[in-house]
């Protein structure tokens, strides 16, 4: 069998020794340019002509990129979300698309529940108040954010791996956890000991905390808008650690300004990094406008990040490429049809 060639264009790691050990001697590994900066457009035609497998992290893979790789057989997205890959163009060429669904599960679930708790326990509120000029009095604050966990419904929108991990964490803290995910069979709720909502409206009506865990697809873009946020109980908290496209920022800003939404924790926004001029909600957040004090916390799509998660990305991406490209298995293959 002719030797296979895999390209990692972003040079994310200092060497390819681990990847070589996993992929084996029958695979040649080529790295891109300077770490994190090599782009697909910078590659020579000679290199592109040799590539059988492509490891993608931050890059977008569009039809004009795919056309540069005449031998390409497998693309592995080095992460959970695969919205950066043009799956239709890959399917038209017979290219198999995979992801790495089982890295960062604990980190993102921890992050989601931590955002909810930081808001609901007033940690962000007191952090802002105690560093004000002058600082607030040394005492507790009565605020719509602050509630006991066990009196709150904790709604999980999308019960995949991360949503499940978040549900179990929220349950451990005493929240009344329910989920909505129409793609899961009956009995999942009983296995986990949580409730199930049979519609999005039903989930919203009982979610004092809403935690979003859906991928970016045709069905989920704009899923949580003004109508859905208005259906949340008065004083709800909204957390999004999945994809920014599922939550309407205009509607969230309106809900926060009106006071109907007590607080929000965002690790993702619709366009990343945010283009200038930034969305008015981010402008108000950065300017520390008083109406947002303690009510909004933003992290830069970093919920997944730990050294251990980066190690998982590396090893699991290489293992997936090996399974599919070398061994002909169907590990983590994303079907080309449907969104």
C-alpha atoms as a PDB file:
ATOM      1  CA  UNK A   1       0.000   0.000   0.000  1.00  0.00           C
ATOM      2  CA  UNK A   2       1.269   3.458  -0.886  1.00  0.00           C
ATOM      3  CA  UNK A   3       2.202   5.577   2.074  1.00  0.00           C
ATOM      4  CA  UNK A   4      -0.546   7.917   3.292  1.00  0.00           C
ATOM      5  CA  UNK A   5       0.033  11.583   4.100  1.00  0.00           C
ATOM      6  CA  UNK A   6      -1.742  13.615   6.786  1.00  0.00           C
ATOM      7  CA  UNK A   7      -1.516  17.393   7.066  1.00  0.00           C
ATOM      8  CA  UNK A   8      -1.847  19.394  10.294  1.00  0.00           C
ATOM      9  CA  UNK A   9      -1.674  22.926   8.849  1.00  0.00           C
ATOM     10  CA  UNK A  10      -1.821  24.902  12.079  1.00  0.00           C
ATOM     11  CA  UNK A  11       1.229  23.373  13.808  1.00  0.00           C
ATOM     12  CA  UNK A  12      -0.642  23.396  17.094  1.00  0.00           C
ATOM     13  CA  UNK A  13       1.867  21.244  18.952  1.00  0.00           C
ATOM     14  CA  UNK A  14       5.681  21.463  19.096  1.00  0.00           C
ATOM     15  CA  UNK A  15       6.271  18.212  17.199  1.00  0.00           C
ATOM     16  CA  UNK A  16       4.422  15.247  15.680  1.00  0.00           C
ATOM     17  CA  UNK A  17       5.920  12.441  17.751  1.00  0.00           C
ATOM     18  CA  UNK A  18       2.644  11.518  19.461  1.00  0.00           C
ATOM     19  CA  UNK A  19       0.706  11.654  16.199  1.00  0.00           C
ATOM     20  CA  UNK A  20       3.341   9.503  14.491  1.00  0.00           C
ATOM     21  CA  UNK A  21       3.186   6.938  17.272  1.00  0.00           C
ATOM     22  CA  UNK A  22      -0.605   6.733  16.975  1.00  0.00           C
ATOM     23  CA  UNK A  23      -0.866   6.816  13.174  1.00  0.00           C
ATOM     24  CA  UNK A  24       2.003   4.414  12.609  1.00  0.00           C
ATOM     25  CA  UNK A  25       4.891   4.195  10.132  1.00  0.00           C
ATOM     26  CA  UNK A  26       2.628   3.887   7.090  1.00  0.00           C
ATOM     27  CA  UNK A  27       1.546   7.528   7.520  1.00  0.00           C
ATOM     28  CA  UNK A  28       3.647  10.593   6.791  1.00  0.00           C
ATOM     29  CA  UNK A  29       2.720  13.683   8.809  1.00  0.00           C
ATOM     30  CA  UNK A  30       3.233  17.177   7.437  1.00  0.00           C
ATOM     31  CA  UNK A  31       2.871  20.286   9.579  1.00  0.00           C
ATOM     32  CA  UNK A  32       2.056  23.816   8.488  1.00  0.00           C
ATOM     33  CA  UNK A  33       4.043  26.968   9.123  1.00  0.00           C
ATOM     34  CA  UNK A  34       4.407  28.934  12.341  1.00  0.00           C
ATOM     35  CA  UNK A  35       2.177  27.687  15.161  1.00  0.00           C
ATOM     36  CA  UNK A  36      -1.493  28.604  14.711  1.00  0.00           C
ATOM     37  CA  UNK A  37      -0.812  30.830  11.699  1.00  0.00           C
ATOM     38  CA  UNK A  38      -0.433  28.481   8.755  1.00  0.00           C
ATOM     39  CA  UNK A  39      -3.433  28.781   6.455  1.00  0.00           C
ATOM     40  CA  UNK A  40      -4.685  26.416   3.794  1.00  0.00           C
ATOM     41  CA  UNK A  41      -4.262  29.128   1.168  1.00  0.00           C
ATOM     42  CA  UNK A  42      -0.528  29.328   1.943  1.00  0.00           C
ATOM     43  CA  UNK A  43       0.137  25.691   1.038  1.00  0.00           C
ATOM     44  CA  UNK A  44       1.858  24.864  -2.209  1.00  0.00           C
ATOM     45  CA  UNK A  45       0.061  22.852  -4.874  1.00  0.00           C
ATOM     46  CA  UNK A  46       2.758  20.188  -4.549  1.00  0.00           C
ATOM     47  CA  UNK A  47       1.963  19.656  -0.866  1.00  0.00           C
ATOM     48  CA  UNK A  48      -1.789  19.704  -1.411  1.00  0.00           C
ATOM     49  CA  UNK A  49      -1.500  17.050  -4.114  1.00  0.00           C
ATOM     50  CA  UNK A  50      -0.062  14.577  -1.576  1.00  0.00           C
ATOM     51  CA  UNK A  51      -2.605  14.924   1.225  1.00  0.00           C
ATOM     52  CA  UNK A  52      -4.919  12.025   2.146  1.00  0.00           C
ATOM     53  CA  UNK A  53      -5.994  13.271   5.578  1.00  0.00           C
ATOM     54  CA  UNK A  54      -6.519  16.751   6.997  1.00  0.00           C
ATOM     55  CA  UNK A  55      -6.580  17.758  10.672  1.00  0.00           C
ATOM     56  CA  UNK A  56      -8.511  21.016  11.142  1.00  0.00           C
ATOM     57  CA  UNK A  57      -8.807  23.071  14.333  1.00  0.00           C
ATOM     58  CA  UNK A  58      -9.467  26.781  13.793  1.00  0.00           C
ATOM     59  CA  UNK A  59      -9.549  26.858  10.005  1.00  0.00           C
ATOM     60  CA  UNK A  60     -12.649  27.003   7.861  1.00  0.00           C
ATOM     61  CA  UNK A  61     -12.760  24.377   5.141  1.00  0.00           C
ATOM     62  CA  UNK A  62     -14.618  25.802   2.159  1.00  0.00           C
ATOM     63  CA  UNK A  63     -15.143  24.411  -1.363  1.00  0.00           C
ATOM     64  CA  UNK A  64     -12.170  26.280  -2.839  1.00  0.00           C
ATOM     65  CA  UNK A  65      -9.950  24.772  -0.141  1.00  0.00           C
ATOM     66  CA  UNK A  66     -11.265  21.274  -0.749  1.00  0.00           C
ATOM     67  CA  UNK A  67     -10.592  21.635  -4.477  1.00  0.00           C
ATOM     68  CA  UNK A  68      -6.878  22.015  -3.717  1.00  0.00           C
ATOM     69  CA  UNK A  69      -6.640  18.466  -2.294  1.00  0.00           C
ATOM     70  CA  UNK A  70      -7.254  15.972  -5.131  1.00  0.00           C
ATOM     71  CA  UNK A  71      -6.438  12.908  -2.975  1.00  0.00           C
ATOM     72  CA  UNK A  72      -8.223  13.999   0.210  1.00  0.00           C
ATOM     73  CA  UNK A  73     -10.145  11.160   1.849  1.00  0.00           C
ATOM     74  CA  UNK A  74     -10.685  12.131   5.498  1.00  0.00           C
ATOM     75  CA  UNK A  75     -11.077  15.412   7.390  1.00  0.00           C
ATOM     76  CA  UNK A  76     -10.968  15.366  11.181  1.00  0.00           C
ATOM     77  CA  UNK A  77     -12.244  18.445  12.961  1.00  0.00           C
ATOM     78  CA  UNK A  78     -10.129  18.676  16.098  1.00  0.00           C
ATOM     79  CA  UNK A  79     -13.085  19.538  18.309  1.00  0.00           C
ATOM     80  CA  UNK A  80     -16.758  18.885  18.873  1.00  0.00           C
ATOM     81  CA  UNK A  81     -18.358  21.411  16.516  1.00  0.00           C
ATOM     82  CA  UNK A  82     -18.025  20.882  12.774  1.00  0.00           C
ATOM     83  CA  UNK A  83     -19.762  23.993  11.454  1.00  0.00           C
ATOM     84  CA  UNK A  84     -16.411  25.216  10.063  1.00  0.00           C
ATOM     85  CA  UNK A  85     -16.402  22.380   7.523  1.00  0.00           C
ATOM     86  CA  UNK A  86     -18.421  22.490   4.313  1.00  0.00           C
ATOM     87  CA  UNK A  87     -19.898  19.014   4.677  1.00  0.00           C
ATOM     88  CA  UNK A  88     -21.856  19.210   1.433  1.00  0.00           C
ATOM     89  CA  UNK A  89     -18.709  19.946  -0.560  1.00  0.00           C
ATOM     90  CA  UNK A  90     -16.889  17.122   1.223  1.00  0.00           C
ATOM     91  CA  UNK A  91     -19.758  14.719   0.538  1.00  0.00           C
ATOM     92  CA  UNK A  92     -19.748  15.638  -3.148  1.00  0.00           C
ATOM     93  CA  UNK A  93     -16.122  14.542  -3.285  1.00  0.00           C
ATOM     94  CA  UNK A  94     -16.647  11.418  -1.175  1.00  0.00           C
ATOM     95  CA  UNK A  95     -14.559  12.840   1.667  1.00  0.00           C
ATOM     96  CA  UNK A  96     -15.347  11.466   5.130  1.00  0.00           C
ATOM     97  CA  UNK A  97     -15.811  14.085   7.863  1.00  0.00           C
ATOM     98  CA  UNK A  98     -15.189  13.298  11.532  1.00  0.00           C
ATOM     99  CA  UNK A  99     -15.094  15.218  14.793  1.00  0.00           C
ATOM    100  CA  UNK A 100     -13.739  14.613  18.300  1.00  0.00           C
ATOM    101  CA  UNK A 101     -16.877  14.549  20.439  1.00  0.00           C
ATOM    102  CA  UNK A 102     -15.376  13.341  23.700  1.00  0.00           C
ATOM    103  CA  UNK A 103     -12.776  15.944  24.595  1.00  0.00           C
ATOM    104  CA  UNK A 104     -13.509  18.849  26.937  1.00  0.00           C
ATOM    105  CA  UNK A 105     -16.769  17.328  28.175  1.00  0.00           C
ATOM    106  CA  UNK A 106     -15.946  17.830  31.841  1.00  0.00           C
ATOM    107  CA  UNK A 107     -14.441  21.274  31.302  1.00  0.00           C
ATOM    108  CA  UNK A 108     -17.395  22.729  29.401  1.00  0.00           C
ATOM    109  CA  UNK A 109     -19.922  21.203  31.794  1.00  0.00           C
ATOM    110  CA  UNK A 110     -17.970  22.589  34.755  1.00  0.00           C
ATOM    111  CA  UNK A 111     -17.830  25.986  33.047  1.00  0.00           C
ATOM    112  CA  UNK A 112     -21.564  26.093  32.332  1.00  0.00           C
ATOM    113  CA  UNK A 113     -22.569  25.237  35.876  1.00  0.00           C
ATOM    114  CA  UNK A 114     -19.869  27.540  37.280  1.00  0.00           C
ATOM    115  CA  UNK A 115     -21.284  30.464  35.295  1.00  0.00           C
ATOM    116  CA  UNK A 116     -24.765  29.699  36.614  1.00  0.00           C
ATOM    117  CA  UNK A 117     -23.574  29.416  40.197  1.00  0.00           C
ATOM    118  CA  UNK A 118     -21.373  32.521  39.991  1.00  0.00           C
ATOM    119  CA  UNK A 119     -24.417  34.504  38.897  1.00  0.00           C
ATOM    120  CA  UNK A 120     -26.989  32.886  41.172  1.00  0.00           C
ATOM    121  CA  UNK A 121     -24.800  33.121  44.289  1.00  0.00           C
ATOM    122  CA  UNK A 122     -24.042  36.780  43.593  1.00  0.00           C
ATOM    123  CA  UNK A 123     -20.313  36.174  43.155  1.00  0.00           C
ATOM    124  CA  UNK A 124     -20.098  38.280  39.997  1.00  0.00           C
ATOM    125  CA  UNK A 125     -22.400  40.863  41.580  1.00  0.00           C
ATOM    126  CA  UNK A 126     -20.244  41.297  44.692  1.00  0.00           C
ATOM    127  CA  UNK A 127     -17.052  41.191  42.624  1.00  0.00           C
ATOM    128  CA  UNK A 128     -18.299  44.187  40.648  1.00  0.00           C
ATOM    129  CA  UNK A 129     -19.697  46.028  43.671  1.00  0.00           C
ATOM    130  CA  UNK A 130     -16.625  45.598  45.879  1.00  0.00           C
ATOM    131  CA  UNK A 131     -14.263  47.017  43.257  1.00  0.00           C
ATOM    132  CA  UNK A 132     -16.489  49.993  42.491  1.00  0.00           C
ATOM    133  CA  UNK A 133     -15.452  53.536  43.417  1.00  0.00           C
ATOM    134  CA  UNK A 134     -16.400  53.825  46.205  1.00  0.00           C
ATOM    135  CA  UNK A 135     -16.891  50.137  47.040  1.00  0.00           C
ATOM    136  CA  UNK A 136     -20.336  49.014  48.121  1.00  0.00           C
ATOM    137  CA  UNK A 137     -21.021  48.623  51.863  1.00  0.00           C
ATOM    138  CA  UNK A 138     -19.616  45.460  53.461  1.00  0.00           C
ATOM    139  CA  UNK A 139     -22.890  43.521  53.530  1.00  0.00           C
ATOM    140  CA  UNK A 140     -25.065  41.206  51.511  1.00  0.00           C
ATOM    141  CA  UNK A 141     -27.206  42.570  48.693  1.00  0.00           C
ATOM    142  CA  UNK A 142     -30.814  41.723  47.950  1.00  0.00           C
ATOM    143  CA  UNK A 143     -30.976  41.110  44.202  1.00  0.00           C
ATOM    144  CA  UNK A 144     -33.139  39.090  41.777  1.00  0.00           C
ATOM    145  CA  UNK A 145     -30.060  37.055  40.843  1.00  0.00           C
ATOM    146  CA  UNK A 146     -29.662  35.459  44.242  1.00  0.00           C
ATOM    147  CA  UNK A 147     -31.731  32.336  44.877  1.00  0.00           C
ATOM    148  CA  UNK A 148     -31.375  28.974  46.559  1.00  0.00           C
ATOM    149  CA  UNK A 149     -30.584  26.214  44.063  1.00  0.00           C
ATOM    150  CA  UNK A 150     -33.287  23.798  45.176  1.00  0.00           C
ATOM    151  CA  UNK A 151     -36.128  26.222  44.380  1.00  0.00           C
ATOM    152  CA  UNK A 152     -34.922  26.683  40.809  1.00  0.00           C
ATOM    153  CA  UNK A 153     -35.563  24.780  37.630  1.00  0.00           C
ATOM    154  CA  UNK A 154     -32.370  24.182  35.670  1.00  0.00           C
ATOM    155  CA  UNK A 155     -33.157  23.721  31.987  1.00  0.00           C
ATOM    156  CA  UNK A 156     -30.726  21.871  29.723  1.00  0.00           C
ATOM    157  CA  UNK A 157     -31.274  22.597  26.026  1.00  0.00           C
ATOM    158  CA  UNK A 158     -29.595  19.711  24.209  1.00  0.00           C
ATOM    159  CA  UNK A 159     -28.685  16.603  26.165  1.00  0.00           C
ATOM    160  CA  UNK A 160     -25.577  15.398  24.384  1.00  0.00           C
ATOM    161  CA  UNK A 161     -22.376  14.462  26.172  1.00  0.00           C
ATOM    162  CA  UNK A 162     -21.767  17.932  27.589  1.00  0.00           C
ATOM    163  CA  UNK A 163     -25.433  18.602  28.302  1.00  0.00           C
ATOM    164  CA  UNK A 164     -25.627  15.333  30.226  1.00  0.00           C
ATOM    165  CA  UNK A 165     -22.520  16.155  32.241  1.00  0.00           C
ATOM    166  CA  UNK A 166     -23.924  19.614  33.033  1.00  0.00           C
ATOM    167  CA  UNK A 167     -27.273  18.111  34.042  1.00  0.00           C
ATOM    168  CA  UNK A 168     -25.622  15.757  36.525  1.00  0.00           C
ATOM    169  CA  UNK A 169     -23.563  18.575  38.009  1.00  0.00           C
ATOM    170  CA  UNK A 170     -26.593  20.839  38.379  1.00  0.00           C
ATOM    171  CA  UNK A 171     -28.534  17.976  39.939  1.00  0.00           C
ATOM    172  CA  UNK A 172     -25.743  17.471  42.488  1.00  0.00           C
ATOM    173  CA  UNK A 173     -26.102  21.112  43.534  1.00  0.00           C
ATOM    174  CA  UNK A 174     -29.798  20.593  44.209  1.00  0.00           C
ATOM    175  CA  UNK A 175     -31.354  22.223  41.136  1.00  0.00           C
ATOM    176  CA  UNK A 176     -34.531  20.711  39.689  1.00  0.00           C
ATOM    177  CA  UNK A 177     -33.094  19.623  36.342  1.00  0.00           C
ATOM    178  CA  UNK A 178     -35.063  19.099  33.143  1.00  0.00           C
ATOM    179  CA  UNK A 179     -33.962  18.850  29.538  1.00  0.00           C
ATOM    180  CA  UNK A 180     -35.356  19.215  26.040  1.00  0.00           C
ATOM    181  CA  UNK A 181     -33.854  17.160  23.239  1.00  0.00           C
ATOM    182  CA  UNK A 182     -36.275  15.722  20.673  1.00  0.00           C
ATOM    183  CA  UNK A 183     -33.606  13.409  19.241  1.00  0.00           C
ATOM    184  CA  UNK A 184     -33.230  11.264  22.360  1.00  0.00           C
ATOM    185  CA  UNK A 185     -35.299   8.131  23.056  1.00  0.00           C
ATOM    186  CA  UNK A 186     -37.713   7.697  25.923  1.00  0.00           C
ATOM    187  CA  UNK A 187     -36.145   6.688  29.210  1.00  0.00           C
ATOM    188  CA  UNK A 188     -33.093   8.937  29.181  1.00  0.00           C
ATOM    189  CA  UNK A 189     -34.705  11.069  31.872  1.00  0.00           C
ATOM    190  CA  UNK A 190     -35.277   8.042  34.088  1.00  0.00           C
ATOM    191  CA  UNK A 191     -31.758   6.756  33.620  1.00  0.00           C
ATOM    192  CA  UNK A 192     -30.336  10.101  34.739  1.00  0.00           C
ATOM    193  CA  UNK A 193     -32.946  10.895  37.364  1.00  0.00           C
ATOM    194  CA  UNK A 194     -33.921  14.201  35.789  1.00  0.00           C
ATOM    195  CA  UNK A 195     -37.058  15.576  34.168  1.00  0.00           C
ATOM    196  CA  UNK A 196     -37.892  15.796  30.492  1.00  0.00           C
ATOM    197  CA  UNK A 197     -39.684  18.634  28.726  1.00  0.00           C
ATOM    198  CA  UNK A 198     -41.574  17.572  25.608  1.00  0.00           C
ATOM    199  CA  UNK A 199     -41.304  20.926  23.858  1.00  0.00           C
ATOM    200  CA  UNK A 200     -39.032  23.930  23.849  1.00  0.00           C
ATOM    201  CA  UNK A 201     -41.864  26.046  25.270  1.00  0.00           C
ATOM    202  CA  UNK A 202     -42.288  23.618  28.151  1.00  0.00           C
ATOM    203  CA  UNK A 203     -38.577  23.746  28.938  1.00  0.00           C
ATOM    204  CA  UNK A 204     -38.530  27.542  28.892  1.00  0.00           C
ATOM    205  CA  UNK A 205     -41.537  27.872  31.189  1.00  0.00           C
ATOM    206  CA  UNK A 206     -39.762  25.973  33.967  1.00  0.00           C
ATOM    207  CA  UNK A 207     -36.155  27.157  33.565  1.00  0.00           C
ATOM    208  CA  UNK A 208     -34.974  29.623  36.192  1.00  0.00           C
ATOM    209  CA  UNK A 209     -31.581  28.799  34.717  1.00  0.00           C
ATOM    210  CA  UNK A 210     -31.313  27.954  31.025  1.00  0.00           C
ATOM    211  CA  UNK A 211     -28.083  26.278  29.904  1.00  0.00           C
ATOM    212  CA  UNK A 212     -27.639  25.876  26.143  1.00  0.00           C
ATOM    213  CA  UNK A 213     -25.827  22.802  24.799  1.00  0.00           C
ATOM    214  CA  UNK A 214     -26.767  22.511  21.118  1.00  0.00           C
ATOM    215  CA  UNK A 215     -24.442  22.453  18.086  1.00  0.00           C
ATOM    216  CA  UNK A 216     -24.541  24.975  15.270  1.00  0.00           C
ATOM    217  CA  UNK A 217     -26.936  23.526  12.698  1.00  0.00           C
ATOM    218  CA  UNK A 218     -29.698  24.675  10.417  1.00  0.00           C
ATOM    219  CA  UNK A 219     -32.207  23.701  13.119  1.00  0.00           C
ATOM    220  CA  UNK A 220     -30.506  25.429  16.043  1.00  0.00           C
ATOM    221  CA  UNK A 221     -29.535  28.804  14.571  1.00  0.00           C
ATOM    222  CA  UNK A 222     -31.667  31.431  16.273  1.00  0.00           C
ATOM    223  CA  UNK A 223     -33.342  28.752  18.383  1.00  0.00           C
ATOM    224  CA  UNK A 224     -33.476  30.955  21.476  1.00  0.00           C
ATOM    225  CA  UNK A 225     -34.876  34.341  20.530  1.00  0.00           C
ATOM    226  CA  UNK A 226     -37.177  36.974  21.950  1.00  0.00           C
ATOM    227  CA  UNK A 227     -40.200  34.661  22.144  1.00  0.00           C
ATOM    228  CA  UNK A 228     -38.295  31.947  23.970  1.00  0.00           C
ATOM    229  CA  UNK A 229     -36.581  34.323  26.401  1.00  0.00           C
ATOM    230  CA  UNK A 230     -39.919  35.952  27.187  1.00  0.00           C
ATOM    231  CA  UNK A 231     -41.249  32.515  28.137  1.00  0.00           C
ATOM    232  CA  UNK A 232     -38.609  32.059  30.858  1.00  0.00           C
ATOM    233  CA  UNK A 233     -39.685  32.769  34.436  1.00  0.00           C
ATOM    234  CA  UNK A 234     -39.158  36.309  35.683  1.00  0.00           C
ATOM    235  CA  UNK A 235     -35.569  36.776  36.805  1.00  0.00           C
ATOM    236  CA  UNK A 236     -34.091  33.858  34.875  1.00  0.00           C
ATOM    237  CA  UNK A 237     -30.406  33.335  34.135  1.00  0.00           C
ATOM    238  CA  UNK A 238     -29.192  32.299  30.658  1.00  0.00           C
ATOM    239  CA  UNK A 239     -25.911  30.444  30.087  1.00  0.00           C
ATOM    240  CA  UNK A 240     -24.433  29.558  26.692  1.00  0.00           C
ATOM    241  CA  UNK A 241     -21.272  27.474  26.391  1.00  0.00           C
ATOM    242  CA  UNK A 242     -22.175  25.763  23.093  1.00  0.00           C
ATOM    243  CA  UNK A 243     -22.440  27.880  19.933  1.00  0.00           C
ATOM    244  CA  UNK A 244     -23.255  31.573  19.783  1.00  0.00           C
ATOM    245  CA  UNK A 245     -25.566  31.202  16.790  1.00  0.00           C
ATOM    246  CA  UNK A 246     -28.280  29.546  18.882  1.00  0.00           C
ATOM    247  CA  UNK A 247     -28.914  32.606  21.083  1.00  0.00           C
ATOM    248  CA  UNK A 248     -30.181  35.956  19.763  1.00  0.00           C
ATOM    249  CA  UNK A 249     -27.963  38.618  21.363  1.00  0.00           C
ATOM    250  CA  UNK A 250     -30.413  41.404  20.554  1.00  0.00           C
ATOM    251  CA  UNK A 251     -33.149  39.554  22.407  1.00  0.00           C
ATOM    252  CA  UNK A 252     -30.836  38.793  25.314  1.00  0.00           C
ATOM    253  CA  UNK A 253     -29.839  42.445  25.599  1.00  0.00           C
ATOM    254  CA  UNK A 254     -33.491  43.496  25.568  1.00  0.00           C
ATOM    255  CA  UNK A 255     -34.299  40.941  28.263  1.00  0.00           C
ATOM    256  CA  UNK A 256     -31.444  42.103  30.451  1.00  0.00           C
ATOM    257  CA  UNK A 257     -32.304  45.773  29.995  1.00  0.00           C
ATOM    258  CA  UNK A 258     -35.953  45.176  30.872  1.00  0.00           C
ATOM    259  CA  UNK A 259     -34.952  43.203  33.956  1.00  0.00           C
ATOM    260  CA  UNK A 260     -36.902  40.135  32.935  1.00  0.00           C
ATOM    261  CA  UNK A 261     -33.577  38.307  32.488  1.00  0.00           C
ATOM    262  CA  UNK A 262     -31.625  38.663  35.718  1.00  0.00           C
ATOM    263  CA  UNK A 263     -28.252  37.623  34.357  1.00  0.00           C
ATOM    264  CA  UNK A 264     -26.332  35.843  31.644  1.00  0.00           C
ATOM    265  CA  UNK A 265     -23.083  33.944  31.242  1.00  0.00           C
ATOM    266  CA  UNK A 266     -21.659  33.711  27.723  1.00  0.00           C
ATOM    267  CA  UNK A 267     -18.673  31.715  26.556  1.00  0.00           C
ATOM    268  CA  UNK A 268     -19.758  32.002  22.929  1.00  0.00           C
ATOM    269  CA  UNK A 269     -21.214  34.708  20.686  1.00  0.00           C
ATOM    270  CA  UNK A 270     -22.544  34.554  17.111  1.00  0.00           C
ATOM    271  CA  UNK A 271     -19.343  35.862  15.457  1.00  0.00           C
ATOM    272  CA  UNK A 272     -15.963  35.160  17.035  1.00  0.00           C
ATOM    273  CA  UNK A 273     -13.867  37.073  17.709  1.00  0.00           C
ATOM    274  CA  UNK A 274     -16.394  39.907  17.904  1.00  0.00           C
ATOM    275  CA  UNK A 275     -16.037  42.319  14.955  1.00  0.00           C
ATOM    276  CA  UNK A 276     -15.810  46.061  15.491  1.00  0.00           C
ATOM    277  CA  UNK A 277     -18.032  47.754  16.340  1.00  0.00           C
ATOM    278  CA  UNK A 278     -18.968  45.123  18.875  1.00  0.00           C
ATOM    279  CA  UNK A 279     -22.560  44.288  19.716  1.00  0.00           C
ATOM    280  CA  UNK A 280     -24.192  46.876  22.044  1.00  0.00           C
ATOM    281  CA  UNK A 281     -24.439  44.282  24.827  1.00  0.00           C
ATOM    282  CA  UNK A 282     -20.681  43.724  24.704  1.00  0.00           C
ATOM    283  CA  UNK A 283     -20.119  47.471  24.508  1.00  0.00           C
ATOM    284  CA  UNK A 284     -22.126  47.953  27.704  1.00  0.00           C
ATOM    285  CA  UNK A 285     -20.289  45.069  29.374  1.00  0.00           C
ATOM    286  CA  UNK A 286     -16.856  46.422  28.488  1.00  0.00           C
ATOM    287  CA  UNK A 287     -17.844  49.925  29.569  1.00  0.00           C
ATOM    288  CA  UNK A 288     -19.119  48.560  32.909  1.00  0.00           C
ATOM    289  CA  UNK A 289     -22.405  50.323  32.453  1.00  0.00           C
ATOM    290  CA  UNK A 290     -24.197  50.366  35.825  1.00  0.00           C
ATOM    291  CA  UNK A 291     -27.336  48.576  34.605  1.00  0.00           C
ATOM    292  CA  UNK A 292     -25.221  45.454  33.931  1.00  0.00           C
ATOM    293  CA  UNK A 293     -23.387  45.386  37.259  1.00  0.00           C
ATOM    294  CA  UNK A 294     -22.985  41.776  38.337  1.00  0.00           C
ATOM    295  CA  UNK A 295     -25.414  40.530  35.701  1.00  0.00           C
ATOM    296  CA  UNK A 296     -23.222  39.515  32.782  1.00  0.00           C
ATOM    297  CA  UNK A 297     -20.015  37.505  32.568  1.00  0.00           C
ATOM    298  CA  UNK A 298     -18.252  36.808  29.267  1.00  0.00           C
ATOM    299  CA  UNK A 299     -15.443  34.349  28.586  1.00  0.00           C
ATOM    300  CA  UNK A 300     -13.734  34.096  25.160  1.00  0.00           C
ATOM    301  CA  UNK A 301     -14.828  30.619  23.983  1.00  0.00           C
ATOM    302  CA  UNK A 302     -12.479  29.191  26.586  1.00  0.00           C
ATOM    303  CA  UNK A 303     -14.778  26.779  28.423  1.00  0.00           C
ATOM    304  CA  UNK A 304     -12.955  23.782  26.950  1.00  0.00           C
ATOM    305  CA  UNK A 305      -9.514  24.947  27.986  1.00  0.00           C
ATOM    306  CA  UNK A 306      -7.284  22.934  30.315  1.00  0.00           C
ATOM    307  CA  UNK A 307      -3.886  21.377  29.602  1.00  0.00           C
ATOM    308  CA  UNK A 308      -5.591  18.001  29.846  1.00  0.00           C
ATOM    309  CA  UNK A 309      -8.196  18.962  27.234  1.00  0.00           C
ATOM    310  CA  UNK A 310      -5.474  20.059  24.816  1.00  0.00           C
ATOM    311  CA  UNK A 311      -3.764  16.716  25.293  1.00  0.00           C
ATOM    312  CA  UNK A 312      -7.077  14.968  24.577  1.00  0.00           C
ATOM    313  CA  UNK A 313      -7.593  16.998  21.404  1.00  0.00           C
ATOM    314  CA  UNK A 314      -4.193  15.898  20.165  1.00  0.00           C
ATOM    315  CA  UNK A 315      -4.443  12.209  20.942  1.00  0.00           C
ATOM    316  CA  UNK A 316      -8.117  11.720  20.093  1.00  0.00           C
ATOM    317  CA  UNK A 317      -7.778  13.551  16.764  1.00  0.00           C
ATOM    318  CA  UNK A 318      -4.877  11.318  15.777  1.00  0.00           C
ATOM    319  CA  UNK A 319      -6.739   8.204  16.926  1.00  0.00           C
ATOM    320  CA  UNK A 320      -9.786   9.185  14.883  1.00  0.00           C
ATOM    321  CA  UNK A 321      -7.660   9.809  11.790  1.00  0.00           C
ATOM    322  CA  UNK A 322      -5.938   6.444  12.270  1.00  0.00           C
ATOM    323  CA  UNK A 323      -9.223   4.581  12.696  1.00  0.00           C
ATOM    324  CA  UNK A 324     -10.869   6.066   9.619  1.00  0.00           C
ATOM    325  CA  UNK A 325      -8.001   6.697   7.191  1.00  0.00           C
ATOM    326  CA  UNK A 326      -5.769   3.722   8.000  1.00  0.00           C
ATOM    327  CA  UNK A 327      -8.109   1.091   9.435  1.00  0.00           C
ATOM    328  CA  UNK A 328     -11.260   1.895   7.491  1.00  0.00           C
ATOM    329  CA  UNK A 329     -13.441   2.208  10.594  1.00  0.00           C
ATOM    330  CA  UNK A 330     -16.302   4.663  11.149  1.00  0.00           C
ATOM    331  CA  UNK A 331     -15.067   6.287  14.355  1.00  0.00           C
ATOM    332  CA  UNK A 332     -16.722   9.671  15.004  1.00  0.00           C
ATOM    333  CA  UNK A 333     -17.932   9.957  11.390  1.00  0.00           C
ATOM    334  CA  UNK A 334     -20.405  12.803  10.820  1.00  0.00           C
ATOM    335  CA  UNK A 335     -23.110  11.879   8.296  1.00  0.00           C
ATOM    336  CA  UNK A 336     -23.223  14.258   5.325  1.00  0.00           C
ATOM    337  CA  UNK A 337     -26.989  14.583   5.305  1.00  0.00           C
ATOM    338  CA  UNK A 338     -29.144  16.709   7.585  1.00  0.00           C
ATOM    339  CA  UNK A 339     -28.439  19.470  10.039  1.00  0.00           C
END
